[in-house]
Amino acid sequence: MDTSGSLTCVVVAVDGSEVSMEALRWALDNLKLSSSSSDSSFVVLHVQPSPSVAAGVSPGTIPFGGPSGLEVPAFTAAIEQHHKRITETIMDHARLIFADRSVNVKTQVVVGDPKYKICETVESLHADLLVIGSRAHGRIKRMFLGSVSNYCSNHVHCPVVIIKPKGDSSE
């Protein structure tokens, strides 16, 4: 890979897993941003699940025989607060990794399904490269859940670097 400094936007997706933080370290250690553009930056991206994705149902309605369409705002608010705390912890961990480096790093948090939101963000930022970690899911789990890194590598219009967990020799 040519890391001669022609990159102006590198998106690194982090989800709190150690492999995603390793992906951030790898990007910062191995990639050089363009020095000719003052806008060049690494973008640390976290996708916070929406409350309905996290709960597996639509939390805004009572799913057990109550009137349809009746809101349960306390439930939704509790899930949102929980996700915000998790997101803050993940981004704090990422900040510790890039804090002492002399590179331009921006952070961005979006809400939704990680597969789609990572691709959307990469496209909207016109990123030159996406760096993402690959979790060590087994073949069966990957078949049912899908692989975020696999989906992104097939749907973004820029090169993708996938960092695997240390010691992972699958695929």
Protein backbone atom coordinates (compact mmCIF):
# COMPACT_ATOMS: atom_id res chain seq x y z
CA MET A 1 0.00 0.00 0.00
CA ASP A 2 1.26 3.45 -0.92
CA THR A 3 1.43 5.50 2.27
CA SER A 4 3.45 8.33 0.77
CA GLY A 5 1.10 10.99 2.06
CA SER A 6 -1.55 11.20 -0.65
CA LEU A 7 -4.36 10.42 1.80
CA THR A 8 -6.56 13.32 2.85
CA CYS A 9 -9.30 11.44 4.73
CA VAL A 10 -8.92 8.11 6.49
CA VAL A 11 -11.96 6.79 8.36
CA VAL A 12 -11.25 4.37 11.20
CA ALA A 13 -14.37 2.63 12.53
CA VAL A 14 -14.27 1.78 16.24
CA ASP A 15 -16.80 -0.22 18.23
CA GLY A 16 -15.03 -0.62 21.55
CA SER A 17 -13.56 -4.02 20.76
CA GLU A 18 -9.82 -4.43 21.14
CA VAL A 19 -9.45 -5.24 17.44
CA SER A 20 -11.11 -1.93 16.50
CA MET A 21 -8.67 -0.07 18.77
CA GLU A 22 -5.84 -2.05 17.18
CA ALA A 23 -7.14 -0.85 13.79
CA LEU A 24 -6.86 2.74 15.06
CA ARG A 25 -3.30 2.14 16.29
CA TRP A 26 -2.39 0.51 12.97
CA ALA A 27 -3.75 3.45 10.97
CA LEU A 28 -1.92 6.02 13.09
CA ASP A 29 1.34 4.03 12.98
CA ASN A 30 1.31 3.10 9.29
CA LEU A 31 -0.51 5.78 7.31
CA LYS A 32 0.67 9.26 6.45
CA LEU A 33 -1.81 11.98 5.60
CA SER A 34 -1.24 14.46 2.81
CA SER A 35 0.80 17.42 4.02
CA SER A 36 -0.42 19.52 1.08
CA SER A 37 -3.97 19.76 2.46
CA SER A 38 -4.71 21.43 5.79
CA ASP A 39 -8.01 19.52 5.87
CA SER A 40 -6.30 16.11 5.93
CA SER A 41 -7.47 14.05 8.88
CA PHE A 42 -8.12 10.71 10.43
CA VAL A 43 -11.80 10.40 11.32
CA VAL A 44 -12.51 8.08 14.23
CA LEU A 45 -16.06 6.90 13.62
CA HIS A 46 -18.33 5.15 16.08
CA VAL A 47 -21.81 3.96 15.17
CA GLN A 48 -24.12 4.00 18.15
CA PRO A 49 -27.04 1.60 17.75
CA SER A 50 -30.49 3.11 17.68
CA PRO A 51 -32.70 2.05 20.61
CA SER A 52 -34.85 -0.17 18.36
CA VAL A 53 -31.78 -2.00 16.99
CA ALA A 54 -30.42 -2.51 20.50
CA ALA A 55 -33.68 -3.81 21.92
CA GLY A 56 -34.46 -5.97 18.92
CA VAL A 57 -37.93 -4.44 18.83
CA SER A 58 -39.42 -1.04 18.47
CA PRO A 59 -39.12 0.27 22.05
CA GLY A 60 -41.54 3.11 21.40
CA THR A 61 -44.60 0.87 21.51
CA ILE A 62 -45.78 -1.58 24.09
CA PRO A 63 -45.27 -5.03 22.53
CA PHE A 64 -47.49 -6.99 24.95
CA GLY A 65 -51.09 -6.16 24.25
CA GLY A 66 -51.27 -2.48 25.10
CA PRO A 67 -52.83 0.02 22.72
CA SER A 68 -50.78 0.14 19.53
CA GLY A 69 -48.74 3.28 19.06
CA LEU A 70 -48.62 4.07 22.79
CA GLU A 71 -45.19 5.51 23.53
CA VAL A 72 -42.94 4.36 26.34
CA PRO A 73 -40.55 7.32 26.41
CA ALA A 74 -38.83 6.28 29.64
CA PHE A 75 -37.73 2.99 28.07
CA THR A 76 -36.41 4.71 24.95
CA ALA A 77 -34.67 7.41 27.01
CA ALA A 78 -33.02 4.80 29.25
CA ILE A 79 -31.64 2.90 26.25
CA GLU A 80 -30.41 6.14 24.64
CA GLN A 81 -28.66 7.20 27.87
CA HIS A 82 -27.04 3.77 28.17
CA HIS A 83 -25.76 3.97 24.59
CA LYS A 84 -24.45 7.50 25.13
CA ARG A 85 -22.42 6.33 28.15
CA ILE A 86 -21.00 3.41 26.16
CA THR A 87 -20.17 5.73 23.26
CA GLU A 88 -18.40 8.19 25.58
CA THR A 89 -16.31 5.34 27.02
CA ILE A 90 -15.38 4.07 23.54
CA MET A 91 -14.42 7.54 22.30
CA ASP A 92 -12.44 8.23 25.50
CA HIS A 93 -10.49 5.01 24.87
CA ALA A 94 -9.83 6.10 21.27
CA ARG A 95 -8.71 9.57 22.45
CA LEU A 96 -6.12 7.95 24.71
CA ILE A 97 -4.68 6.23 21.63
CA PHE A 98 -4.38 9.36 19.50
CA ALA A 99 -3.91 12.02 22.20
CA ASP A 100 -0.10 12.15 22.13
CA ARG A 101 0.25 11.98 18.34
CA SER A 102 0.81 15.02 16.20
CA VAL A 103 -1.81 14.24 13.57
CA ASN A 104 -5.17 15.79 12.80
CA VAL A 105 -7.84 13.49 14.26
CA LYS A 106 -11.55 14.19 14.26
CA THR A 107 -14.22 12.13 15.95
CA GLN A 108 -17.70 11.43 14.67
CA VAL A 109 -20.62 9.53 16.17
CA VAL A 110 -23.63 8.48 14.12
CA VAL A 111 -26.70 6.47 15.12
CA GLY A 112 -28.01 3.45 13.25
CA ASP A 113 -26.95 0.10 11.81
CA PRO A 114 -23.12 -0.03 11.66
CA LYS A 115 -23.00 -1.68 8.22
CA TYR A 116 -24.98 1.05 6.56
CA LYS A 117 -23.81 4.02 8.61
CA ILE A 118 -20.11 3.28 8.14
CA CYS A 119 -20.61 3.09 4.36
CA GLU A 120 -22.76 6.23 4.36
CA THR A 121 -20.20 8.20 6.36
CA VAL A 122 -17.25 7.02 4.25
CA GLU A 123 -19.11 8.16 1.13
CA SER A 124 -20.25 11.51 2.58
CA LEU A 125 -16.69 12.34 3.71
CA HIS A 126 -15.23 11.22 0.35
CA ALA A 127 -12.76 9.12 2.33
CA ASP A 128 -9.64 7.81 0.64
CA LEU A 129 -9.47 4.75 2.89
CA LEU A 130 -11.52 2.87 5.48
CA VAL A 131 -9.72 1.01 8.27
CA ILE A 132 -11.88 -1.40 10.24
CA GLY A 133 -11.36 -4.28 12.64
CA SER A 134 -12.78 -7.71 12.02
CA ARG A 135 -14.23 -9.54 14.97
CA ALA A 136 -13.43 -13.22 15.28
CA HIS A 137 -16.96 -14.53 14.77
CA GLY A 138 -17.24 -18.16 13.79
CA ARG A 139 -18.69 -19.11 10.43
CA ILE A 140 -22.18 -19.84 11.80
CA LYS A 141 -22.47 -16.59 13.74
CA ARG A 142 -21.12 -14.65 10.75
CA MET A 143 -23.73 -16.34 8.53
CA PHE A 144 -26.60 -15.11 10.75
CA LEU A 145 -25.24 -11.75 11.86
CA GLY A 146 -23.26 -10.88 8.79
CA SER A 147 -19.89 -9.29 8.94
CA VAL A 148 -19.71 -5.50 9.15
CA SER A 149 -16.18 -5.47 7.72
CA ASN A 150 -17.19 -7.77 4.85
CA TYR A 151 -20.25 -5.69 4.05
CA CYS A 152 -18.26 -2.46 4.08
CA SER A 153 -15.47 -3.88 1.94
CA ASN A 154 -18.07 -4.74 -0.70
CA HIS A 155 -20.06 -1.51 -0.57
CA VAL A 156 -17.71 1.46 -0.08
CA HIS A 157 -16.04 3.05 -3.07
CA CYS A 158 -12.59 3.33 -1.55
CA PRO A 159 -9.94 0.83 -0.46
CA VAL A 160 -10.55 -0.96 2.85
CA VAL A 161 -7.95 -2.27 5.28
CA ILE A 162 -9.33 -4.97 7.60
CA ILE A 163 -7.36 -5.61 10.77
CA LYS A 164 -7.87 -9.09 12.19
CA PRO A 165 -7.50 -10.04 15.83
CA LYS A 166 -3.99 -11.19 16.76
CA GLY A 167 -3.68 -14.92 16.31
CA ASP A 168 -6.72 -15.16 14.01
CA SER A 169 -5.95 -17.28 10.96
CA SER A 170 -9.54 -17.85 9.78
CA GLU A 171 -10.48 -16.60 6.31
